[in-house]
Amino acid sequence: MNLVVVDNWDNIAELLGLLPKQMRQARRTATRKAGHWANREGSRGVAKAANVPLKILREGMRLTYEYKSLRGLPIGNLWVGMNAIATKYLAARQQRKGVKVRGVLKKGVFIAPSLGGHSFQRRGKKRVPIDRVDYQINERVEIFLDQFTPKVTEKFIDFFFAELDKISGMEAGEARAIVGGISKSL
């Protein structure tokens, strides 16, 4: 997820009377804070959207946040893994008609304890070949991320202006009022 929020940083610095060094510091801090917020809130949202416990997502490293600087501009990357999750990690239960995973019954599926407790389904009427069955989360996660991206932009703007207020010694919300051109509706 990559966001471009503001194009003209110099104009903001001019209006507030800040040095370029102070602007870089505000961008760096706002990017870092927004990235950590996105990692925390994103993982909670992905867990809720995919109907998967948060612990399972964190163990499988489904969300990672990386902060780096590229040519003096701070960049925060949030990586979201949307691969299927093995049903054995989601407390799959063997039923008479199949396997029940997170409230969904998958008919014709069985749990093979001798093969690591994974769920499988036969391709034909014979014993072999079998296919492994996993819990798909990608469609639900994509829908959540489409709704989540604007929230990250809003949060970055909030953190950025809060940091500008702190650096310039202004009251809370003063920098946003002076600049005025950037709103939460980006």
Foldseek 3Di string as FASTA:
>chain_A
DFDDADDDLVVLCVLLVHDPVLLLVLQQQLQVVLQVVCQVVLLVLLCVLQVHDSVQCVVVPQWDWDWDADPSGITIDIHGHQDFAFQVVQVWDADPQEIAGSNDGDGQWDFDVVVVRTIWHAPDPDPDDIDTDTRGRNVSSVVSVVVCVLVSSLSSVQSSQQSVCVVSVHDPPPSCVSVVPHDSPD
